[in-house]
PDB file of all heavy atoms in Angstrom:
ATOM      1  N   VAL A   1     -81.263  14.187  48.230  1.00  0.00           N
ATOM      2  CA  VAL A   1     -80.004  14.548  47.650  1.00  0.00           C
ATOM      3  C   VAL A   1     -80.316  14.912  46.067  1.00  0.00           C
ATOM      4  O   VAL A   1     -79.678  15.756  45.561  1.00  0.00           O
ATOM      5  CB  VAL A   1     -78.981  13.511  47.722  1.00  0.00           C
ATOM      6  CG1 VAL A   1     -77.790  13.610  46.827  1.00  0.00           C
ATOM      7  CG2 VAL A   1     -78.546  13.379  49.194  1.00  0.00           C
ATOM      8  N   ILE A   2     -81.183  14.154  45.591  1.00  0.00           N
ATOM      9  CA  ILE A   2     -81.536  14.306  44.093  1.00  0.00           C
ATOM     10  C   ILE A   2     -82.371  15.586  43.921  1.00  0.00           C
ATOM     11  O   ILE A   2     -82.071  16.351  43.013  1.00  0.00           O
ATOM     12  CB  ILE A   2     -82.180  13.095  43.481  1.00  0.00           C
ATOM     13  CG1 ILE A   2     -81.265  11.901  43.537  1.00  0.00           C
ATOM     14  CG2 ILE A   2     -82.630  13.320  42.040  1.00  0.00           C
ATOM     15  CD1 ILE A   2     -81.960  10.596  43.311  1.00  0.00           C
ATOM     16  N   ILE A   3     -83.455  15.707  44.650  1.00  0.00           N
ATOM     17  CA  ILE A   3     -84.408  16.825  44.486  1.00  0.00           C
ATOM     18  C   ILE A   3     -84.723  17.363  45.819  1.00  0.00           C
ATOM     19  O   ILE A   3     -85.656  16.877  46.503  1.00  0.00           O
ATOM     20  CB  ILE A   3     -85.639  16.447  43.718  1.00  0.00           C
ATOM     21  CG1 ILE A   3     -85.326  15.685  42.460  1.00  0.00           C
ATOM     22  CG2 ILE A   3     -86.548  17.630  43.537  1.00  0.00           C
ATOM     23  CD1 ILE A   3     -86.474  15.047  41.745  1.00  0.00           C
ATOM     24  N   PRO A   4     -83.964  18.327  46.438  1.00  0.00           N
ATOM     25  CA  PRO A   4     -84.188  18.779  47.733  1.00  0.00           C
ATOM     26  C   PRO A   4     -85.590  19.239  48.150  1.00  0.00           C
ATOM     27  O   PRO A   4     -86.065  18.835  49.162  1.00  0.00           O
ATOM     28  CB  PRO A   4     -83.222  19.965  47.874  1.00  0.00           C
ATOM     29  CG  PRO A   4     -82.115  19.644  46.929  1.00  0.00           C
ATOM     30  CD  PRO A   4     -82.806  18.965  45.752  1.00  0.00           C
ATOM     31  N   PRO A   5     -86.320  19.905  47.268  1.00  0.00           N
ATOM     32  CA  PRO A   5     -87.717  20.318  47.618  1.00  0.00           C
ATOM     33  C   PRO A   5     -88.674  19.101  47.855  1.00  0.00           C
ATOM     34  O   PRO A   5     -89.506  19.153  48.815  1.00  0.00           O
ATOM     35  CB  PRO A   5     -88.313  21.107  46.538  1.00  0.00           C
ATOM     36  CG  PRO A   5     -87.024  21.678  45.895  1.00  0.00           C
ATOM     37  CD  PRO A   5     -85.971  20.561  46.022  1.00  0.00           C
ATOM     38  N   ILE A   6     -88.427  18.040  47.222  1.00  0.00           N
ATOM     39  CA  ILE A   6     -89.228  16.816  47.454  1.00  0.00           C
ATOM     40  C   ILE A   6     -88.939  16.233  48.789  1.00  0.00           C
ATOM     41  O   ILE A   6     -89.861  15.820  49.551  1.00  0.00           O
ATOM     42  CB  ILE A   6     -89.067  15.832  46.262  1.00  0.00           C
ATOM     43  CG1 ILE A   6     -89.510  16.444  44.988  1.00  0.00           C
ATOM     44  CG2 ILE A   6     -89.914  14.565  46.474  1.00  0.00           C
ATOM     45  CD1 ILE A   6     -90.903  16.868  44.821  1.00  0.00           C
ATOM     46  N   GLY A   7     -87.607  16.140  49.095  1.00  0.00           N
ATOM     47  CA  GLY A   7     -87.203  15.667  50.408  1.00  0.00           C
ATOM     48  C   GLY A   7     -87.790  16.539  51.495  1.00  0.00           C
ATOM     49  O   GLY A   7     -88.189  16.037  52.576  1.00  0.00           O
ATOM     50  N   ALA A   8     -87.836  17.866  51.345  1.00  0.00           N
ATOM     51  CA  ALA A   8     -88.466  18.743  52.390  1.00  0.00           C
ATOM     52  C   ALA A   8     -89.914  18.500  52.468  1.00  0.00           C
ATOM     53  O   ALA A   8     -90.477  18.461  53.622  1.00  0.00           O
ATOM     54  CB  ALA A   8     -88.223  20.190  51.950  1.00  0.00           C
ATOM     55  N   PHE A   9     -90.616  18.356  51.277  1.00  0.00           N
ATOM     56  CA  PHE A   9     -91.983  17.978  51.329  1.00  0.00           C
ATOM     57  C   PHE A   9     -92.304  16.691  52.088  1.00  0.00           C
ATOM     58  O   PHE A   9     -93.276  16.623  52.869  1.00  0.00           O
ATOM     59  CB  PHE A   9     -92.528  17.971  49.906  1.00  0.00           C
ATOM     60  CG  PHE A   9     -93.998  17.484  49.872  1.00  0.00           C
ATOM     61  CD1 PHE A   9     -95.024  18.359  50.201  1.00  0.00           C
ATOM     62  CD2 PHE A   9     -94.340  16.185  49.456  1.00  0.00           C
ATOM     63  CE1 PHE A   9     -96.385  17.895  50.083  1.00  0.00           C
ATOM     64  CE2 PHE A   9     -95.590  15.764  49.407  1.00  0.00           C
ATOM     65  CZ  PHE A   9     -96.659  16.649  49.666  1.00  0.00           C
ATOM     66  N   LEU A  10     -91.545  15.662  51.800  1.00  0.00           N
ATOM     67  CA  LEU A  10     -91.747  14.448  52.562  1.00  0.00           C
ATOM     68  C   LEU A  10     -91.543  14.507  54.047  1.00  0.00           C
ATOM     69  O   LEU A  10     -92.116  13.780  54.780  1.00  0.00           O
ATOM     70  CB  LEU A  10     -90.793  13.299  52.025  1.00  0.00           C
ATOM     71  CG  LEU A  10     -91.100  12.912  50.540  1.00  0.00           C
ATOM     72  CD1 LEU A  10     -90.020  11.956  50.082  1.00  0.00           C
ATOM     73  CD2 LEU A  10     -92.494  12.309  50.413  1.00  0.00           C
ATOM     74  N   LYS A  11     -90.724  15.555  54.508  1.00  0.00           N
ATOM     75  CA  LYS A  11     -90.426  15.609  55.879  1.00  0.00           C
ATOM     76  C   LYS A  11     -91.450  16.555  56.583  1.00  0.00           C
ATOM     77  O   LYS A  11     -92.004  16.321  57.694  1.00  0.00           O
ATOM     78  CB  LYS A  11     -89.018  16.184  56.101  1.00  0.00           C
ATOM     79  CG  LYS A  11     -88.667  16.471  57.538  1.00  0.00           C
ATOM     80  CD  LYS A  11     -88.393  15.196  58.257  1.00  0.00           C
ATOM     81  CE  LYS A  11     -87.919  15.479  59.605  1.00  0.00           C
ATOM     82  NZ  LYS A  11     -87.655  14.208  60.429  1.00  0.00           N
ATOM     83  N   VAL A  12     -91.775  17.659  55.959  1.00  0.00           N
ATOM     84  CA  VAL A  12     -92.666  18.615  56.691  1.00  0.00           C
ATOM     85  C   VAL A  12     -93.940  19.010  55.943  1.00  0.00           C
ATOM     86  O   VAL A  12     -94.765  19.779  56.424  1.00  0.00           O
ATOM     87  CB  VAL A  12     -91.827  19.982  56.926  1.00  0.00           C
ATOM     88  CG1 VAL A  12     -90.643  19.755  57.775  1.00  0.00           C
ATOM     89  CG2 VAL A  12     -91.366  20.687  55.647  1.00  0.00           C
ATOM     90  N   GLY A  13     -94.215  18.460  54.845  1.00  0.00           N
ATOM     91  CA  GLY A  13     -95.405  18.812  54.082  1.00  0.00           C
ATOM     92  C   GLY A  13     -95.272  20.176  53.351  1.00  0.00           C
ATOM     93  O   GLY A  13     -94.162  20.558  53.095  1.00  0.00           O
ATOM     94  N   LEU A  14     -96.400  20.796  53.112  1.00  0.00           N
ATOM     95  CA  LEU A  14     -96.457  22.073  52.372  1.00  0.00           C
ATOM     96  C   LEU A  14     -96.364  23.272  53.281  1.00  0.00           C
ATOM     97  O   LEU A  14     -96.917  24.311  53.044  1.00  0.00           O
ATOM     98  CB  LEU A  14     -97.701  22.206  51.506  1.00  0.00           C
ATOM     99  CG  LEU A  14     -97.694  21.429  50.271  1.00  0.00           C
ATOM    100  CD1 LEU A  14     -99.056  21.532  49.540  1.00  0.00           C
ATOM    101  CD2 LEU A  14     -96.507  21.897  49.339  1.00  0.00           C
ATOM    102  N   GLY A  15     -95.545  23.108  54.356  1.00  0.00           N
ATOM    103  CA  GLY A  15     -95.317  24.180  55.306  1.00  0.00           C
ATOM    104  C   GLY A  15     -94.338  25.231  54.830  1.00  0.00           C
ATOM    105  O   GLY A  15     -93.787  25.153  53.690  1.00  0.00           O
ATOM    106  N   LEU A  16     -93.948  26.116  55.781  1.00  0.00           N
ATOM    107  CA  LEU A  16     -93.060  27.181  55.429  1.00  0.00           C
ATOM    108  C   LEU A  16     -91.702  26.668  55.126  1.00  0.00           C
ATOM    109  O   LEU A  16     -91.026  27.152  54.137  1.00  0.00           O
ATOM    110  CB  LEU A  16     -92.910  28.090  56.756  1.00  0.00           C
ATOM    111  CG  LEU A  16     -91.932  29.237  56.667  1.00  0.00           C
ATOM    112  CD1 LEU A  16     -92.352  30.222  55.533  1.00  0.00           C
ATOM    113  CD2 LEU A  16     -91.715  29.954  57.929  1.00  0.00           C
ATOM    114  N   GLN A  17     -91.173  25.583  55.779  1.00  0.00           N
ATOM    115  CA  GLN A  17     -89.844  25.069  55.470  1.00  0.00           C
ATOM    116  C   GLN A  17     -89.802  24.485  54.066  1.00  0.00           C
ATOM    117  O   GLN A  17     -88.698  24.639  53.457  1.00  0.00           O
ATOM    118  CB  GLN A  17     -89.559  23.871  56.499  1.00  0.00           C
ATOM    119  CG  GLN A  17     -89.326  24.539  57.839  1.00  0.00           C
ATOM    120  CD  GLN A  17     -88.252  25.436  58.006  1.00  0.00           C
ATOM    121  OE1 GLN A  17     -87.234  25.394  57.421  1.00  0.00           O
ATOM    122  NE2 GLN A  17     -88.444  26.500  58.848  1.00  0.00           N
ATOM    123  N   PHE A  18     -90.963  23.961  53.546  1.00  0.00           N
ATOM    124  CA  PHE A  18     -90.856  23.477  52.240  1.00  0.00           C
ATOM    125  C   PHE A  18     -90.664  24.672  51.165  1.00  0.00           C
ATOM    126  O   PHE A  18     -89.902  24.623  50.229  1.00  0.00           O
ATOM    127  CB  PHE A  18     -92.271  22.812  51.731  1.00  0.00           C
ATOM    128  CG  PHE A  18     -92.437  22.621  50.282  1.00  0.00           C
ATOM    129  CD1 PHE A  18     -91.743  21.499  49.684  1.00  0.00           C
ATOM    130  CD2 PHE A  18     -93.209  23.486  49.538  1.00  0.00           C
ATOM    131  CE1 PHE A  18     -91.843  21.378  48.310  1.00  0.00           C
ATOM    132  CE2 PHE A  18     -93.405  23.244  48.194  1.00  0.00           C
ATOM    133  CZ  PHE A  18     -92.690  22.154  47.586  1.00  0.00           C
ATOM    134  N   TRP A  19     -91.431  25.741  51.385  1.00  0.00           N
ATOM    135  CA  TRP A  19     -91.286  26.911  50.445  1.00  0.00           C
ATOM    136  C   TRP A  19     -89.889  27.564  50.592  1.00  0.00           C
ATOM    137  O   TRP A  19     -89.378  28.044  49.574  1.00  0.00           O
ATOM    138  CB  TRP A  19     -92.355  27.938  50.815  1.00  0.00           C
ATOM    139  CG  TRP A  19     -93.730  27.350  50.382  1.00  0.00           C
ATOM    140  CD1 TRP A  19     -94.664  26.893  51.322  1.00  0.00           C
ATOM    141  CD2 TRP A  19     -94.198  27.075  49.187  1.00  0.00           C
ATOM    142  NE1 TRP A  19     -95.783  26.472  50.609  1.00  0.00           N
ATOM    143  CE2 TRP A  19     -95.497  26.494  49.340  1.00  0.00           C
ATOM    144  CE3 TRP A  19     -93.680  27.185  47.841  1.00  0.00           C
ATOM    145  CZ2 TRP A  19     -96.288  26.036  48.181  1.00  0.00           C
ATOM    146  CZ3 TRP A  19     -94.442  26.698  46.816  1.00  0.00           C
ATOM    147  CH2 TRP A  19     -95.826  26.166  46.951  1.00  0.00           C
ATOM    148  N   ILE A  20     -89.324  27.613  51.818  1.00  0.00           N
ATOM    149  CA  ILE A  20     -87.941  28.086  51.966  1.00  0.00           C
ATOM    150  C   ILE A  20     -87.026  27.327  51.200  1.00  0.00           C
ATOM    151  O   ILE A  20     -86.112  27.773  50.515  1.00  0.00           O
ATOM    152  CB  ILE A  20     -87.607  28.198  53.485  1.00  0.00           C
ATOM    153  CG1 ILE A  20     -88.457  29.305  54.152  1.00  0.00           C
ATOM    154  CG2 ILE A  20     -86.077  28.445  53.646  1.00  0.00           C
ATOM    155  CD1 ILE A  20     -88.196  29.290  55.666  1.00  0.00           C
ATOM    156  N   ASN A  21     -87.151  25.943  51.265  1.00  0.00           N
ATOM    157  CA  ASN A  21     -86.325  25.100  50.615  1.00  0.00           C
ATOM    158  C   ASN A  21     -86.402  25.267  49.003  1.00  0.00           C
ATOM    159  O   ASN A  21     -85.521  25.190  48.276  1.00  0.00           O
ATOM    160  CB  ASN A  21     -86.558  23.531  50.966  1.00  0.00           C
ATOM    161  CG  ASN A  21     -85.541  22.662  50.351  1.00  0.00           C
ATOM    162  OD1 ASN A  21     -85.754  22.121  49.310  1.00  0.00           O
ATOM    163  ND2 ASN A  21     -84.471  22.468  51.149  1.00  0.00           N
ATOM    164  N   LEU A  22     -87.581  25.387  48.557  1.00  0.00           N
ATOM    165  CA  LEU A  22     -87.881  25.527  47.174  1.00  0.00           C
ATOM    166  C   LEU A  22     -87.161  26.787  46.673  1.00  0.00           C
ATOM    167  O   LEU A  22     -86.537  26.883  45.648  1.00  0.00           O
ATOM    168  CB  LEU A  22     -89.378  25.649  46.901  1.00  0.00           C
ATOM    169  CG  LEU A  22     -89.767  25.742  45.403  1.00  0.00           C
ATOM    170  CD1 LEU A  22     -89.374  24.447  44.595  1.00  0.00           C
ATOM    171  CD2 LEU A  22     -91.294  26.025  45.222  1.00  0.00           C
ATOM    172  N   ILE A  23     -87.246  27.927  47.486  1.00  0.00           N
ATOM    173  CA  ILE A  23     -86.644  29.195  47.000  1.00  0.00           C
ATOM    174  C   ILE A  23     -85.048  28.984  47.002  1.00  0.00           C
ATOM    175  O   ILE A  23     -84.386  29.376  46.197  1.00  0.00           O
ATOM    176  CB  ILE A  23     -87.101  30.323  47.961  1.00  0.00           C
ATOM    177  CG1 ILE A  23     -88.560  30.598  47.604  1.00  0.00           C
ATOM    178  CG2 ILE A  23     -86.248  31.598  47.733  1.00  0.00           C
ATOM    179  CD1 ILE A  23     -89.241  31.625  48.635  1.00  0.00           C
ATOM    180  N   LEU A  24     -84.591  28.335  48.086  1.00  0.00           N
ATOM    181  CA  LEU A  24     -83.156  28.192  48.147  1.00  0.00           C
ATOM    182  C   LEU A  24     -82.685  27.252  47.033  1.00  0.00           C
ATOM    183  O   LEU A  24     -81.572  27.529  46.477  1.00  0.00           O
ATOM    184  CB  LEU A  24     -82.753  27.522  49.493  1.00  0.00           C
ATOM    185  CG  LEU A  24     -82.833  28.439  50.747  1.00  0.00           C
ATOM    186  CD1 LEU A  24     -82.626  27.641  51.924  1.00  0.00           C
ATOM    187  CD2 LEU A  24     -81.781  29.590  50.590  1.00  0.00           C
ATOM    188  N   THR A  25     -83.367  26.243  46.715  1.00  0.00           N
ATOM    189  CA  THR A  25     -82.977  25.402  45.618  1.00  0.00           C
ATOM    190  C   THR A  25     -83.068  26.201  44.238  1.00  0.00           C
ATOM    191  O   THR A  25     -82.217  25.871  43.337  1.00  0.00           O
ATOM    192  CB  THR A  25     -83.890  24.142  45.491  1.00  0.00           C
ATOM    193  OG1 THR A  25     -83.884  23.398  46.755  1.00  0.00           O
ATOM    194  CG2 THR A  25     -83.462  23.114  44.396  1.00  0.00           C
ATOM    195  N   LEU A  26     -84.016  26.972  44.095  1.00  0.00           N
ATOM    196  CA  LEU A  26     -84.123  27.784  42.778  1.00  0.00           C
ATOM    197  C   LEU A  26     -82.906  28.777  42.753  1.00  0.00           C
ATOM    198  O   LEU A  26     -82.387  29.086  41.704  1.00  0.00           O
ATOM    199  CB  LEU A  26     -85.394  28.621  42.687  1.00  0.00           C
ATOM    200  CG  LEU A  26     -86.613  27.676  42.521  1.00  0.00           C
ATOM    201  CD1 LEU A  26     -87.920  28.601  42.523  1.00  0.00           C
ATOM    202  CD2 LEU A  26     -86.509  26.992  41.057  1.00  0.00           C
ATOM    203  N   CYS A  27     -82.438  29.218  43.886  1.00  0.00           N
ATOM    204  CA  CYS A  27     -81.276  30.104  43.927  1.00  0.00           C
ATOM    205  C   CYS A  27     -79.991  29.379  43.595  1.00  0.00           C
ATOM    206  O   CYS A  27     -79.052  29.967  43.095  1.00  0.00           O
ATOM    207  CB  CYS A  27     -81.121  30.797  45.364  1.00  0.00           C
ATOM    208  SG  CYS A  27     -82.398  31.974  45.567  1.00  0.00           S
ATOM    209  N   GLY A  28     -80.005  28.138  43.965  1.00  0.00           N
ATOM    210  CA  GLY A  28     -78.861  27.273  43.781  1.00  0.00           C
ATOM    211  C   GLY A  28     -78.980  25.923  44.420  1.00  0.00           C
ATOM    212  O   GLY A  28     -79.617  25.857  45.406  1.00  0.00           O
ATOM    213  N   TYR A  29     -78.494  24.901  43.721  1.00  0.00           N
ATOM    214  CA  TYR A  29     -78.753  23.562  44.214  1.00  0.00           C
ATOM    215  C   TYR A  29     -78.137  23.357  45.734  1.00  0.00           C
ATOM    216  O   TYR A  29     -78.817  22.794  46.584  1.00  0.00           O
ATOM    217  CB  TYR A  29     -78.076  22.501  43.315  1.00  0.00           C
ATOM    218  CG  TYR A  29     -78.155  21.083  43.837  1.00  0.00           C
ATOM    219  CD1 TYR A  29     -79.370  20.284  43.706  1.00  0.00           C
ATOM    220  CD2 TYR A  29     -77.004  20.495  44.357  1.00  0.00           C
ATOM    221  CE1 TYR A  29     -79.377  19.076  44.201  1.00  0.00           C
ATOM    222  CE2 TYR A  29     -77.019  19.235  44.752  1.00  0.00           C
ATOM    223  CZ  TYR A  29     -78.218  18.503  44.718  1.00  0.00           C
ATOM    224  OH  TYR A  29     -78.304  17.165  45.150  1.00  0.00           O
ATOM    225  N   PHE A  30     -76.943  23.879  45.865  1.00  0.00           N
ATOM    226  CA  PHE A  30     -76.335  23.586  47.155  1.00  0.00           C
ATOM    227  C   PHE A  30     -77.040  24.245  48.366  1.00  0.00           C
ATOM    228  O   PHE A  30     -77.104  23.605  49.353  1.00  0.00           O
ATOM    229  CB  PHE A  30     -74.813  24.175  47.111  1.00  0.00           C
ATOM    230  CG  PHE A  30     -73.982  23.820  48.300  1.00  0.00           C
ATOM    231  CD1 PHE A  30     -73.600  22.510  48.517  1.00  0.00           C
ATOM    232  CD2 PHE A  30     -73.673  24.853  49.182  1.00  0.00           C
ATOM    233  CE1 PHE A  30     -72.971  22.127  49.703  1.00  0.00           C
ATOM    234  CE2 PHE A  30     -72.931  24.517  50.311  1.00  0.00           C
ATOM    235  CZ  PHE A  30     -72.559  23.154  50.593  1.00  0.00           C
ATOM    236  N   PRO A  31     -77.580  25.497  48.368  1.00  0.00           N
ATOM    237  CA  PRO A  31     -78.281  25.931  49.529  1.00  0.00           C
ATOM    238  C   PRO A  31     -79.467  25.134  49.839  1.00  0.00           C
ATOM    239  O   PRO A  31     -79.810  24.918  50.984  1.00  0.00           O
ATOM    240  CB  PRO A  31     -78.605  27.390  49.063  1.00  0.00           C
ATOM    241  CG  PRO A  31     -77.784  27.825  48.014  1.00  0.00           C
ATOM    242  CD  PRO A  31     -77.363  26.462  47.324  1.00  0.00           C
ATOM    243  N   GLY A  32     -80.173  24.721  48.814  1.00  0.00           N
ATOM    244  CA  GLY A  32     -81.356  23.880  48.988  1.00  0.00           C
ATOM    245  C   GLY A  32     -80.982  22.510  49.619  1.00  0.00           C
ATOM    246  O   GLY A  32     -81.640  21.973  50.513  1.00  0.00           O
ATOM    247  N   LEU A  33     -79.872  21.925  49.211  1.00  0.00           N
ATOM    248  CA  LEU A  33     -79.366  20.704  49.781  1.00  0.00           C
ATOM    249  C   LEU A  33     -79.045  20.847  51.226  1.00  0.00           C
ATOM    250  O   LEU A  33     -79.306  19.994  52.056  1.00  0.00           O
ATOM    251  CB  LEU A  33     -78.176  20.234  48.875  1.00  0.00           C
ATOM    252  CG  LEU A  33     -77.498  18.890  49.269  1.00  0.00           C
ATOM    253  CD1 LEU A  33     -78.559  17.774  49.176  1.00  0.00           C
ATOM    254  CD2 LEU A  33     -76.323  18.641  48.473  1.00  0.00           C
ATOM    255  N   VAL A  34     -78.301  21.861  51.518  1.00  0.00           N
ATOM    256  CA  VAL A  34     -77.849  22.134  52.898  1.00  0.00           C
ATOM    257  C   VAL A  34     -79.175  22.262  53.795  1.00  0.00           C
ATOM    258  O   VAL A  34     -79.226  21.824  54.904  1.00  0.00           O
ATOM    259  CB  VAL A  34     -76.991  23.420  53.044  1.00  0.00           C
ATOM    260  CG1 VAL A  34     -76.849  23.811  54.540  1.00  0.00           C
ATOM    261  CG2 VAL A  34     -75.670  23.144  52.379  1.00  0.00           C
ATOM    262  N   HIS A  35     -80.173  22.972  53.333  1.00  0.00           N
ATOM    263  CA  HIS A  35     -81.354  23.142  54.076  1.00  0.00           C
ATOM    264  C   HIS A  35     -82.086  21.891  54.354  1.00  0.00           C
ATOM    265  O   HIS A  35     -82.563  21.635  55.408  1.00  0.00           O
ATOM    266  CB  HIS A  35     -82.265  24.256  53.417  1.00  0.00           C
ATOM    267  CG  HIS A  35     -83.520  24.558  54.157  1.00  0.00           C
ATOM    268  ND1 HIS A  35     -84.707  24.024  53.831  1.00  0.00           N
ATOM    269  CD2 HIS A  35     -83.672  25.308  55.190  1.00  0.00           C
ATOM    270  CE1 HIS A  35     -85.630  24.496  54.616  1.00  0.00           C
ATOM    271  NE2 HIS A  35     -85.067  25.275  55.511  1.00  0.00           N
ATOM    272  N   VAL A  36     -82.255  21.105  53.332  1.00  0.00           N
ATOM    273  CA  VAL A  36     -82.977  19.779  53.468  1.00  0.00           C
ATOM    274  C   VAL A  36     -82.159  18.884  54.388  1.00  0.00           C
ATOM    275  O   VAL A  36     -82.782  18.123  55.121  1.00  0.00           O
ATOM    276  CB  VAL A  36     -83.289  19.182  52.101  1.00  0.00           C
ATOM    277  CG1 VAL A  36     -82.185  18.470  51.465  1.00  0.00           C
ATOM    278  CG2 VAL A  36     -84.460  18.232  52.264  1.00  0.00           C
ATOM    279  N   ILE A  37     -80.831  18.830  54.299  1.00  0.00           N
ATOM    280  CA  ILE A  37     -80.113  18.030  55.267  1.00  0.00           C
ATOM    281  C   ILE A  37     -80.317  18.491  56.678  1.00  0.00           C
ATOM    282  O   ILE A  37     -80.513  17.727  57.634  1.00  0.00           O
ATOM    283  CB  ILE A  37     -78.595  18.015  54.869  1.00  0.00           C
ATOM    284  CG1 ILE A  37     -78.451  17.248  53.562  1.00  0.00           C
ATOM    285  CG2 ILE A  37     -77.759  17.456  55.996  1.00  0.00           C
ATOM    286  CD1 ILE A  37     -77.034  17.336  53.001  1.00  0.00           C
ATOM    287  N   TRP A  38     -80.318  19.879  56.839  1.00  0.00           N
ATOM    288  CA  TRP A  38     -80.614  20.359  58.141  1.00  0.00           C
ATOM    289  C   TRP A  38     -81.945  19.945  58.627  1.00  0.00           C
ATOM    290  O   TRP A  38     -82.253  19.597  59.860  1.00  0.00           O
ATOM    291  CB  TRP A  38     -80.557  21.878  58.134  1.00  0.00           C
ATOM    292  CG  TRP A  38     -80.902  22.585  59.443  1.00  0.00           C
ATOM    293  CD1 TRP A  38     -80.220  22.633  60.611  1.00  0.00           C
ATOM    294  CD2 TRP A  38     -82.157  23.253  59.626  1.00  0.00           C
ATOM    295  NE1 TRP A  38     -80.941  23.289  61.568  1.00  0.00           N
ATOM    296  CE2 TRP A  38     -82.126  23.703  60.997  1.00  0.00           C
ATOM    297  CE3 TRP A  38     -83.281  23.563  58.952  1.00  0.00           C
ATOM    298  CZ2 TRP A  38     -83.178  24.375  61.607  1.00  0.00           C
ATOM    299  CZ3 TRP A  38     -84.281  24.281  59.468  1.00  0.00           C
ATOM    300  CH2 TRP A  38     -84.221  24.663  60.804  1.00  0.00           C
ATOM    301  N   LEU A  39     -83.020  19.953  57.693  1.00  0.00           N
ATOM    302  CA  LEU A  39     -84.344  19.510  58.066  1.00  0.00           C
ATOM    303  C   LEU A  39     -84.331  18.052  58.520  1.00  0.00           C
ATOM    304  O   LEU A  39     -85.116  17.751  59.401  1.00  0.00           O
ATOM    305  CB  LEU A  39     -85.267  19.700  56.917  1.00  0.00           C
ATOM    306  CG  LEU A  39     -85.829  21.083  56.673  1.00  0.00           C
ATOM    307  CD1 LEU A  39     -86.693  21.066  55.405  1.00  0.00           C
ATOM    308  CD2 LEU A  39     -86.566  21.645  57.804  1.00  0.00           C
ATOM    309  N   LEU A  40     -83.625  17.218  57.764  1.00  0.00           N
ATOM    310  CA  LEU A  40     -83.575  15.768  58.072  1.00  0.00           C
ATOM    311  C   LEU A  40     -82.968  15.400  59.394  1.00  0.00           C
ATOM    312  O   LEU A  40     -83.382  14.480  60.073  1.00  0.00           O
ATOM    313  CB  LEU A  40     -82.955  14.993  56.965  1.00  0.00           C
ATOM    314  CG  LEU A  40     -83.716  15.064  55.567  1.00  0.00           C
ATOM    315  CD1 LEU A  40     -82.950  14.354  54.528  1.00  0.00           C
ATOM    316  CD2 LEU A  40     -85.136  14.392  55.705  1.00  0.00           C
ATOM    317  N   VAL A  41     -81.892  16.114  59.714  1.00  0.00           N
ATOM    318  CA  VAL A  41     -81.178  15.733  60.955  1.00  0.00           C
ATOM    319  C   VAL A  41     -81.722  16.424  62.233  1.00  0.00           C
ATOM    320  O   VAL A  41     -81.476  15.943  63.332  1.00  0.00           O
ATOM    321  CB  VAL A  41     -79.627  16.031  60.784  1.00  0.00           C
ATOM    322  CG1 VAL A  41     -79.075  15.246  59.750  1.00  0.00           C
ATOM    323  CG2 VAL A  41     -79.405  17.444  60.660  1.00  0.00           C
ATOM    324  N   ARG A  42     -82.451  17.462  62.158  1.00  0.00           N
ATOM    325  CA  ARG A  42     -83.002  18.185  63.338  1.00  0.00           C
ATOM    326  C   ARG A  42     -84.196  17.337  63.795  1.00  0.00           C
ATOM    327  O   ARG A  42     -84.985  16.839  63.133  1.00  0.00           O
ATOM    328  CB  ARG A  42     -83.356  19.606  63.104  1.00  0.00           C
ATOM    329  CG  ARG A  42     -84.645  19.811  62.447  1.00  0.00           C
ATOM    330  CD  ARG A  42     -84.957  21.267  62.309  1.00  0.00           C
ATOM    331  NE  ARG A  42     -86.090  21.366  61.461  1.00  0.00           N
ATOM    332  CZ  ARG A  42     -87.190  22.004  61.954  1.00  0.00           C
ATOM    333  NH1 ARG A  42     -87.283  22.580  63.067  1.00  0.00           N
ATOM    334  NH2 ARG A  42     -88.335  22.022  61.164  1.00  0.00           N
ATOM    335  N   LYS A  43     -84.331  17.308  65.147  1.00  0.00           N
ATOM    336  CA  LYS A  43     -85.460  16.713  65.683  1.00  0.00           C
ATOM    337  C   LYS A  43     -85.671  17.072  67.181  1.00  0.00           C
ATOM    338  O   LYS A  43     -84.824  17.315  67.861  1.00  0.00           O
ATOM    339  CB  LYS A  43     -85.383  15.160  65.668  1.00  0.00           C
ATOM    340  CG  LYS A  43     -86.725  14.503  65.738  1.00  0.00           C
ATOM    341  CD  LYS A  43     -86.646  13.078  65.146  1.00  0.00           C
ATOM    342  CE  LYS A  43     -87.990  12.622  65.002  1.00  0.00           C
ATOM    343  NZ  LYS A  43     -88.087  11.337  64.410  1.00  0.00           N
TER     344      LYS A  43
END
């Protein structure tokens, strides 16, 4: 919630999803937050 790319990194490492989340967070905090929440709840 505080830093979405770090949360994505902790979940998936330096994979494609991390870089997508970083780009989304740079475009705006909310898109990055939605993406990281999606990453955390999918399994």
